[in-house]
Amino acid sequence: MKTYFHVDMDAFFVSVEEIFDPSLKGKPVVVGGGPDQRGVVSAASYAARKFGVHSAMPLRTAYQHCPHAIFLEGHPHRYREYSEKVFRALNRFSPQVEMASIDEAYLDLTGTERLHGRPLKAAHELHEAIRRDTALNCSIGIATSRMLAKVASDQAKPNGILWILPGQEAAFLAPLDVRKLPGVGKVTERRLAEYGIRKVGDVARLEPAFLERHLGEWGAALAGKAQGLDAGGWFEGEVGAREDPKSISHEHTFAEDTTDAELLESTLAKLSQMVSRRLREHELHARTVQLKLRYSDFSTITRALTLERTTQLDIDLIEHSRLLFRRNWTGEAVRLLGVQASSLDRDEGQLDLFEGERTRRWRKALGAVDQLRDKFGESVVSVASGLKGVYEEKTHENPAGLPGRRRRKE
């Protein structure tokens, strides 16, 4: 029988900010941007949550709920630094660690009782180790599946530990709102409510065929989750066995819609650099570049271009995303820009003599740039064409340089 831990750092971004500015402790703090920006809340202190502020809420809505809150842009390089500290602590307890995001991780502790003791004892020791190494609090869920461990850690917040004993999975889940199951959002919640399904126990009593008929493939996964099982794409594979992404993308919503061509193309260059950086991190090369363009009226177009050869270089993605933009922009005010790389491959293909030398020079230069970004943040170095871009790394995006996702050759 498996033993999984889900470790979730409590109000991670806010807690890191409090380390550098202790005056923030106990105050309503919102990390993610200014109250007049179009972005979303990355994290809210527990004092802010009392006013209804929560992660993923639009910043402007958060301000309406809590106008006296302290709004911070955030410091992604600090969050990566502390995430790395957490990752090192986790690795002392298990070699099978998977950082699901910058502030949460799964551990497989199956068969480690002789080393760490029973799961509850190991969890208390891990909890203390993280506190000692980072001065941060976390919540830990323990269960026979990763899905259930994640639900348990959420129920244990803040700063708690919850162990779901084997055989008690369904009983634990039954009284919880169906929204507590990972992957169930507002839309699915409303659809289930139409059938009188509001609790996880309601789902568990249904035949999987009923859910699959009304919700498709997701319905079958939902039936498994209601029984406490690892079901659905989020929980496939072993802990720490990372699969290559199918695509990599970044997008930016402007604070004010704009027709400034120079600003738009510079922002596009910034986005392309972020995508290229993550391609190199995963040791992947892209053959397809896609542009996403959204206007003031929310009409959205996507246009893709297939390259003659695969690439992971900033200059290639900048060139082709800019070409797509110039071909398709109508001149109307733009609300959002996005760049996506897909058709990913580990093989960069055959290069001729000239292209091979050019690629080697750029790869060497960008390798040095990536090391600077790892240490000082994504905005420390930029290709010249992206200097005027307004895009900045968002704290909730976890774009690059996360622990456990380093390039294998480093």
Protein backbone atom coordinates (compact mmCIF):
# COMPACT_ATOMS: atom_id res chain seq x y z
CA MET A 1 0.00 0.00 0.00
CA LYS A 2 1.32 3.42 -0.97
CA THR A 3 2.03 6.29 1.41
CA TYR A 4 1.94 9.74 -0.15
CA PHE A 5 2.53 13.16 1.39
CA HIS A 6 1.25 16.40 -0.08
CA VAL A 7 3.13 19.40 1.31
CA ASP A 8 1.51 22.78 0.75
CA MET A 9 3.25 25.95 1.95
CA ASP A 10 0.87 28.24 3.84
CA ALA A 11 0.29 31.60 2.09
CA PHE A 12 3.74 31.06 0.58
CA PHE A 13 4.29 34.33 -1.31
CA VAL A 14 2.98 36.43 1.58
CA SER A 15 4.99 34.46 4.14
CA VAL A 16 8.22 35.01 2.17
CA GLU A 17 7.46 38.74 1.94
CA GLU A 18 6.99 38.81 5.72
CA ILE A 19 10.50 37.41 6.22
CA PHE A 20 11.94 40.43 4.40
CA ASP A 21 9.45 42.88 5.90
CA PRO A 22 8.24 41.73 9.34
CA SER A 23 5.95 44.78 9.57
CA LEU A 24 3.57 42.94 7.20
CA LYS A 25 2.78 40.24 9.76
CA GLY A 26 -0.84 40.18 10.84
CA LYS A 27 -1.90 42.68 8.19
CA PRO A 28 -4.09 42.10 5.12
CA VAL A 29 -1.55 41.59 2.32
CA VAL A 30 -2.22 40.77 -1.33
CA VAL A 31 0.58 39.60 -3.64
CA GLY A 32 0.19 39.76 -7.40
CA GLY A 33 0.12 43.43 -8.42
CA GLY A 34 -1.48 46.77 -7.78
CA PRO A 35 -5.19 47.20 -7.02
CA ASP A 36 -5.73 48.98 -10.35
CA GLN A 37 -4.15 46.23 -12.49
CA ARG A 38 -5.93 43.56 -14.56
CA GLY A 39 -4.02 40.67 -13.05
CA VAL A 40 -5.14 38.21 -10.42
CA VAL A 41 -4.24 37.60 -6.79
CA SER A 42 -1.29 35.22 -6.43
CA ALA A 43 -1.63 34.94 -2.66
CA ALA A 44 -3.48 36.61 0.18
CA SER A 45 -2.60 36.68 3.86
CA TYR A 46 -5.05 35.08 6.25
CA ALA A 47 -5.97 38.58 7.45
CA ALA A 48 -6.98 39.47 3.87
CA ARG A 49 -8.88 36.21 3.42
CA LYS A 50 -11.21 37.22 6.23
CA PHE A 51 -12.54 39.87 3.84
CA GLY A 52 -13.18 37.33 1.07
CA VAL A 53 -9.92 37.82 -0.84
CA HIS A 54 -8.51 34.61 -2.33
CA SER A 55 -6.04 33.35 -4.92
CA ALA A 56 -7.00 33.81 -8.60
CA MET A 57 -9.43 36.63 -7.73
CA PRO A 58 -9.03 39.70 -9.99
CA LEU A 59 -6.90 42.32 -8.23
CA ARG A 60 -9.56 44.98 -8.74
CA THR A 61 -12.14 42.74 -7.07
CA ALA A 62 -9.75 42.11 -4.19
CA TYR A 63 -9.47 45.87 -3.70
CA GLN A 64 -13.25 46.17 -3.54
CA HIS A 65 -13.33 43.47 -0.85
CA CYS A 66 -10.42 44.88 1.12
CA PRO A 67 -9.43 48.44 0.09
CA HIS A 68 -7.12 48.83 3.10
CA ALA A 69 -5.00 45.80 2.11
CA ILE A 70 -1.32 46.17 1.22
CA PHE A 71 -0.89 45.24 -2.46
CA LEU A 72 2.54 43.96 -3.54
CA GLU A 73 3.95 43.10 -6.98
CA GLY A 74 5.95 40.28 -5.44
CA HIS A 75 9.53 39.05 -5.85
CA PRO A 76 9.67 35.83 -7.94
CA HIS A 77 13.42 35.35 -7.40
CA ARG A 78 12.84 35.25 -3.63
CA TYR A 79 10.08 32.68 -4.03
CA ARG A 80 12.33 30.45 -6.14
CA GLU A 81 15.07 30.74 -3.51
CA TYR A 82 12.75 29.60 -0.72
CA SER A 83 11.15 26.94 -2.91
CA GLU A 84 14.66 25.55 -3.41
CA LYS A 85 15.13 25.42 0.38
CA VAL A 86 11.87 23.53 0.73
CA PHE A 87 12.89 21.13 -2.04
CA ARG A 88 16.18 20.34 -0.30
CA ALA A 89 14.35 19.59 2.95
CA LEU A 90 11.91 17.29 1.14
CA ASN A 91 14.74 15.36 -0.51
CA ARG A 92 16.13 14.42 2.89
CA PHE A 93 12.95 12.44 3.51
CA SER A 94 12.43 10.79 0.11
CA PRO A 95 14.22 10.60 -3.24
CA GLN A 96 10.81 10.61 -4.93
CA VAL A 97 9.76 14.25 -4.80
CA GLU A 98 7.67 16.13 -7.34
CA MET A 99 7.25 19.89 -7.12
CA ALA A 100 3.72 20.37 -8.40
CA SER A 101 4.25 24.13 -8.27
CA ILE A 102 6.51 26.62 -6.57
CA ASP A 103 4.76 26.13 -3.22
CA GLU A 104 3.50 22.53 -3.17
CA ALA A 105 5.00 19.09 -3.60
CA TYR A 106 4.21 15.38 -3.52
CA LEU A 107 6.42 12.81 -1.80
CA ASP A 108 6.28 9.04 -2.01
CA LEU A 109 7.28 7.70 1.42
CA THR A 110 6.22 4.13 0.77
CA GLY A 111 8.53 1.72 2.56
CA THR A 112 10.39 4.35 4.59
CA GLU A 113 9.00 3.45 8.04
CA ARG A 114 12.27 1.87 9.20
CA LEU A 115 14.03 5.13 8.39
CA HIS A 116 11.46 7.76 9.40
CA GLY A 117 8.93 5.87 11.51
CA ARG A 118 5.16 5.83 11.02
CA PRO A 119 3.68 8.40 8.58
CA LEU A 120 2.48 10.77 11.30
CA LYS A 121 5.89 10.81 12.99
CA ALA A 122 7.62 11.41 9.65
CA ALA A 123 5.21 14.22 8.85
CA HIS A 124 5.92 15.99 12.15
CA GLU A 125 9.66 15.69 11.54
CA LEU A 126 9.28 17.02 8.00
CA HIS A 127 7.07 19.85 9.23
CA GLU A 128 9.74 20.86 11.74
CA ALA A 129 12.56 20.52 9.19
CA ILE A 130 10.84 22.90 6.78
CA ARG A 131 10.14 25.35 9.59
CA ARG A 132 13.77 25.17 10.75
CA ASP A 133 15.25 25.58 7.26
CA THR A 134 12.92 28.27 5.92
CA ALA A 135 11.09 29.90 8.87
CA LEU A 136 7.90 29.11 6.93
CA ASN A 137 4.82 27.11 7.86
CA CYS A 138 3.31 24.34 5.77
CA SER A 139 0.39 21.92 5.86
CA ILE A 140 0.82 18.21 5.16
CA GLY A 141 -1.73 15.69 3.97
CA ILE A 142 -1.02 11.94 4.20
CA ALA A 143 -2.98 9.30 2.28
CA THR A 144 -2.83 6.24 0.08
CA SER A 145 -3.25 8.38 -3.06
CA ARG A 146 -1.82 11.72 -4.17
CA MET A 147 -5.29 13.09 -4.88
CA LEU A 148 -6.46 12.33 -1.36
CA ALA A 149 -3.23 13.65 0.19
CA LYS A 150 -3.84 16.96 -1.60
CA VAL A 151 -7.39 17.17 -0.26
CA ALA A 152 -6.10 16.31 3.21
CA SER A 153 -3.46 19.05 3.21
CA ASP A 154 -6.13 21.59 2.25
CA GLN A 155 -8.28 20.43 5.17
CA ALA A 156 -5.26 20.67 7.48
CA LYS A 157 -4.60 24.36 6.74
CA PRO A 158 -3.16 26.39 8.22
CA ASN A 159 0.00 24.84 9.62
CA GLY A 160 -1.48 21.41 10.27
CA ILE A 161 -1.06 17.72 9.49
CA LEU A 162 -3.86 15.32 8.55
CA TRP A 163 -3.47 11.56 7.98
CA ILE A 164 -6.30 9.72 6.25
CA LEU A 165 -5.98 6.17 7.54
CA PRO A 166 -6.16 3.35 4.98
CA GLY A 167 -9.75 2.19 4.60
CA GLN A 168 -11.19 5.56 5.64
CA GLU A 169 -10.85 7.29 2.28
CA ALA A 170 -14.51 7.27 1.22
CA ALA A 171 -15.76 8.16 4.71
CA PHE A 172 -13.42 11.16 4.85
CA LEU A 173 -14.44 12.45 1.43
CA ALA A 174 -18.21 11.85 1.60
CA PRO A 175 -19.26 15.00 3.58
CA LEU A 176 -16.97 17.38 1.66
CA ASP A 177 -18.27 19.75 -1.00
CA VAL A 178 -17.61 18.35 -4.47
CA ARG A 179 -15.52 21.47 -5.18
CA LYS A 180 -12.88 20.06 -2.83
CA LEU A 181 -11.93 17.44 -5.43
CA PRO A 182 -8.93 18.59 -7.51
CA GLY A 183 -10.03 19.67 -10.98
CA VAL A 184 -13.63 20.50 -10.08
CA GLY A 185 -14.16 24.16 -10.94
CA LYS A 186 -17.16 26.44 -10.87
CA VAL A 187 -18.54 25.20 -14.21
CA THR A 188 -18.40 21.52 -13.24
CA GLU A 189 -19.79 22.35 -9.81
CA ARG A 190 -22.81 24.03 -11.39
CA ARG A 191 -23.38 21.15 -13.79
CA LEU A 192 -23.28 18.62 -10.97
CA ALA A 193 -25.65 20.75 -8.88
CA GLU A 194 -28.22 20.48 -11.69
CA TYR A 195 -28.34 16.74 -10.92
CA GLY A 196 -28.52 17.31 -7.16
CA ILE A 197 -24.85 16.44 -6.69
CA ARG A 198 -23.25 18.71 -4.10
CA LYS A 199 -21.16 16.46 -1.88
CA VAL A 200 -18.43 13.99 -2.76
CA GLY A 201 -20.59 11.28 -1.25
CA ASP A 202 -23.29 12.11 -3.83
CA VAL A 203 -20.75 11.43 -6.58
CA ALA A 204 -19.58 8.18 -4.97
CA ARG A 205 -23.14 6.80 -4.98
CA LEU A 206 -23.51 7.27 -8.75
CA GLU A 207 -22.57 4.77 -11.41
CA PRO A 208 -19.41 5.80 -13.30
CA ALA A 209 -21.36 5.31 -16.53
CA PHE A 210 -23.78 8.09 -15.51
CA LEU A 211 -20.94 10.55 -14.91
CA GLU A 212 -19.17 9.56 -18.10
CA ARG A 213 -22.39 9.98 -20.09
CA HIS A 214 -22.92 13.53 -18.76
CA LEU A 215 -19.32 14.69 -18.33
CA GLY A 216 -17.40 12.60 -20.82
CA GLU A 217 -13.96 11.22 -19.97
CA TRP A 218 -13.70 13.68 -17.06
CA GLY A 219 -16.77 12.02 -15.52
CA ALA A 220 -15.00 8.66 -15.28
CA ALA A 221 -12.03 10.34 -13.57
CA LEU A 222 -14.39 12.12 -11.18
CA ALA A 223 -15.93 8.80 -10.17
CA GLY A 224 -12.49 7.48 -9.26
CA LYS A 225 -11.60 10.59 -7.26
CA ALA A 226 -14.80 10.30 -5.24
CA GLN A 227 -13.51 6.91 -4.10
CA GLY A 228 -10.16 8.41 -3.09
CA LEU A 229 -8.23 7.15 -6.11
CA ASP A 230 -5.60 8.80 -8.28
CA ALA A 231 -7.70 9.31 -11.40
CA GLY A 232 -7.22 11.69 -14.30
CA GLY A 233 -4.20 13.19 -16.01
CA TRP A 234 -3.06 15.19 -13.00
CA PHE A 235 -2.13 12.06 -11.12
CA GLU A 236 -0.71 9.76 -13.79
CA GLY A 237 2.78 8.31 -13.52
CA GLU A 238 5.07 7.93 -10.53
CA VAL A 239 6.02 10.77 -8.22
CA GLY A 240 9.07 12.53 -9.64
CA ALA A 241 8.75 10.87 -13.06
CA ARG A 242 8.32 14.06 -15.03
CA GLU A 243 6.87 13.87 -18.52
CA ASP A 244 7.74 16.36 -21.22
CA PRO A 245 5.13 19.09 -21.72
CA LYS A 246 3.08 19.02 -24.91
CA SER A 247 3.38 22.78 -25.31
CA ILE A 248 4.85 25.79 -23.51
CA SER A 249 3.20 29.20 -23.49
CA HIS A 250 3.15 32.62 -21.85
CA GLU A 251 0.67 35.44 -22.23
CA HIS A 252 0.19 38.97 -20.93
CA THR A 253 -2.93 41.07 -20.35
CA PHE A 254 -2.20 44.79 -20.65
CA ALA A 255 -3.28 47.14 -17.87
CA GLU A 256 -4.80 49.32 -20.60
CA ASP A 257 -5.68 48.21 -24.13
CA THR A 258 -3.07 49.53 -26.54
CA THR A 259 -2.41 50.22 -30.22
CA ASP A 260 1.26 51.07 -29.62
CA ALA A 261 2.99 48.82 -32.16
CA GLU A 262 6.43 49.22 -30.57
CA LEU A 263 5.08 48.29 -27.15
CA LEU A 264 3.18 45.30 -28.56
CA GLU A 265 6.18 43.91 -30.44
CA SER A 266 8.48 44.47 -27.48
CA THR A 267 6.07 42.63 -25.18
CA LEU A 268 5.88 39.85 -27.75
CA ALA A 269 9.68 39.59 -27.59
CA LYS A 270 9.54 39.30 -23.80
CA LEU A 271 6.98 36.51 -24.01
CA SER A 272 9.06 34.69 -26.62
CA GLN A 273 12.10 34.84 -24.35
CA MET A 274 10.14 33.29 -21.49
CA VAL A 275 8.93 30.46 -23.72
CA SER A 276 12.44 29.85 -25.08
CA ARG A 277 13.86 29.79 -21.57
CA ARG A 278 11.48 27.03 -20.57
CA LEU A 279 12.23 25.09 -23.76
CA ARG A 280 15.90 25.04 -22.78
CA GLU A 281 15.03 24.10 -19.22
CA HIS A 282 13.18 21.02 -20.50
CA GLU A 283 15.82 20.37 -23.18
CA LEU A 284 13.15 20.60 -25.86
CA HIS A 285 12.98 22.15 -29.31
CA ALA A 286 9.82 23.54 -30.92
CA ARG A 287 8.68 23.22 -34.52
CA THR A 288 5.49 25.28 -34.21
CA VAL A 289 5.06 28.84 -32.95
CA GLN A 290 1.58 30.19 -32.20
CA LEU A 291 0.40 33.74 -31.60
CA LYS A 292 -2.62 34.56 -29.44
CA LEU A 293 -4.17 37.99 -29.99
CA ARG A 294 -7.17 39.32 -28.05
CA TYR A 295 -8.80 42.68 -28.78
CA SER A 296 -10.76 45.07 -26.56
CA ASP A 297 -14.06 43.40 -27.43
CA PHE A 298 -12.59 40.04 -26.26
CA SER A 299 -12.55 38.65 -29.81
CA THR A 300 -9.54 36.34 -29.97
CA ILE A 301 -7.53 34.89 -32.83
CA THR A 302 -4.75 32.29 -32.81
CA ARG A 303 -2.36 31.85 -35.70
CA ALA A 304 0.43 29.27 -35.97
CA LEU A 305 3.55 28.90 -38.07
CA THR A 306 5.49 25.68 -38.71
CA LEU A 307 9.26 26.21 -38.78
CA GLU A 308 11.67 24.61 -41.22
CA ARG A 309 13.67 23.26 -38.29
CA THR A 310 13.12 22.97 -34.56
CA THR A 311 14.50 25.62 -32.21
CA GLN A 312 14.82 26.68 -28.58
CA LEU A 313 16.46 30.05 -29.26
CA ASP A 314 14.96 33.38 -28.23
CA ILE A 315 15.76 35.07 -31.53
CA ASP A 316 13.91 32.43 -33.57
CA LEU A 317 10.73 32.62 -31.52
CA ILE A 318 10.88 36.42 -31.50
CA GLU A 319 11.28 36.53 -35.27
CA HIS A 320 8.43 34.17 -36.04
CA SER A 321 5.98 35.45 -33.42
CA ARG A 322 6.61 38.96 -34.72
CA LEU A 323 5.97 37.78 -38.27
CA LEU A 324 2.63 36.27 -37.21
CA PHE A 325 1.73 39.49 -35.39
CA ARG A 326 2.50 41.72 -38.37
CA ARG A 327 0.48 39.48 -40.67
CA ASN A 328 -2.60 39.36 -38.45
CA TRP A 329 -2.86 42.50 -36.31
CA THR A 330 -5.71 44.69 -37.59
CA GLY A 331 -4.48 47.84 -35.87
CA GLU A 332 -7.24 47.67 -33.24
CA ALA A 333 -6.47 48.05 -29.55
CA VAL A 334 -5.00 44.86 -28.06
CA ARG A 335 -5.98 43.52 -24.65
CA LEU A 336 -3.86 40.36 -24.52
CA LEU A 337 -0.87 38.83 -26.30
CA GLY A 338 0.35 35.25 -26.02
CA VAL A 339 3.11 33.07 -27.48
CA GLN A 340 3.04 29.28 -27.54
CA ALA A 341 5.62 26.72 -28.68
CA SER A 342 4.40 23.24 -29.63
CA SER A 343 5.32 20.16 -31.68
CA LEU A 344 8.12 19.69 -29.17
CA ASP A 345 11.04 17.32 -29.68
CA ARG A 346 14.30 16.54 -27.91
CA ASP A 347 16.03 16.25 -31.27
CA GLU A 348 17.00 19.58 -32.83
CA GLY A 349 17.49 17.99 -36.24
CA GLN A 350 20.33 18.25 -38.72
CA LEU A 351 21.99 21.68 -38.98
CA ASP A 352 24.17 22.86 -41.82
CA LEU A 353 27.65 24.25 -41.08
CA PHE A 354 26.56 27.91 -40.88
CA GLU A 355 23.41 27.28 -38.86
CA GLY A 356 25.26 24.91 -36.56
CA GLU A 357 27.87 27.50 -35.65
CA ARG A 358 25.23 30.20 -35.20
CA THR A 359 23.19 27.92 -32.93
CA ARG A 360 26.25 27.01 -30.84
CA ARG A 361 27.12 30.68 -30.30
CA TRP A 362 23.59 31.59 -29.28
CA ARG A 363 23.25 28.54 -27.05
CA LYS A 364 26.45 29.43 -25.21
CA ALA A 365 25.32 33.03 -24.74
CA LEU A 366 21.83 32.08 -23.63
CA GLY A 367 23.20 29.46 -21.24
CA ALA A 368 25.08 32.25 -19.44
CA VAL A 369 21.95 34.42 -19.51
CA ASP A 370 19.86 31.61 -18.00
CA GLN A 371 22.34 31.27 -15.13
CA LEU A 372 22.00 34.99 -14.41
CA ARG A 373 18.21 34.67 -14.49
CA ASP A 374 18.33 31.70 -12.11
CA LYS A 375 20.24 33.83 -9.63
CA PHE A 376 18.72 37.29 -10.06
CA GLY A 377 15.31 36.80 -11.68
CA GLU A 378 13.86 36.71 -15.17
CA SER A 379 14.02 40.44 -15.84
CA VAL A 380 17.76 40.86 -15.14
CA VAL A 381 18.71 40.25 -18.81
CA SER A 382 16.65 40.77 -21.96
CA VAL A 383 17.17 40.65 -25.70
CA ALA A 384 17.29 44.24 -26.92
CA SER A 385 13.99 44.02 -28.80
CA GLY A 386 12.21 43.17 -25.56
CA LEU A 387 13.61 45.96 -23.37
CA LYS A 388 10.53 48.16 -23.68
CA GLY A 389 8.07 45.33 -23.15
CA VAL A 390 5.74 45.72 -20.20
CA TYR A 391 5.57 42.00 -19.49
CA GLU A 392 6.99 40.99 -16.12
CA GLU A 393 7.22 37.54 -14.60
CA LYS A 394 4.09 36.80 -12.60
CA THR A 395 4.45 35.18 -9.21
CA HIS A 396 1.73 32.59 -9.89
CA GLU A 397 3.07 31.38 -13.25
CA ASN A 398 6.03 29.31 -11.99
CA PRO A 399 7.64 29.85 -15.37
CA ALA A 400 11.22 28.64 -15.03
CA GLY A 401 14.04 27.78 -12.69
CA LEU A 402 11.93 25.80 -10.23
CA PRO A 403 13.57 23.13 -8.03
CA GLY A 404 13.37 19.66 -9.47
CA ARG A 405 13.04 21.01 -13.00
CA ARG A 406 16.65 21.90 -13.69
CA ARG A 407 18.28 20.97 -16.96
CA ARG A 408 19.68 17.49 -16.60
CA LYS A 409 23.15 18.44 -17.91
CA GLU A 410 23.76 21.01 -15.16
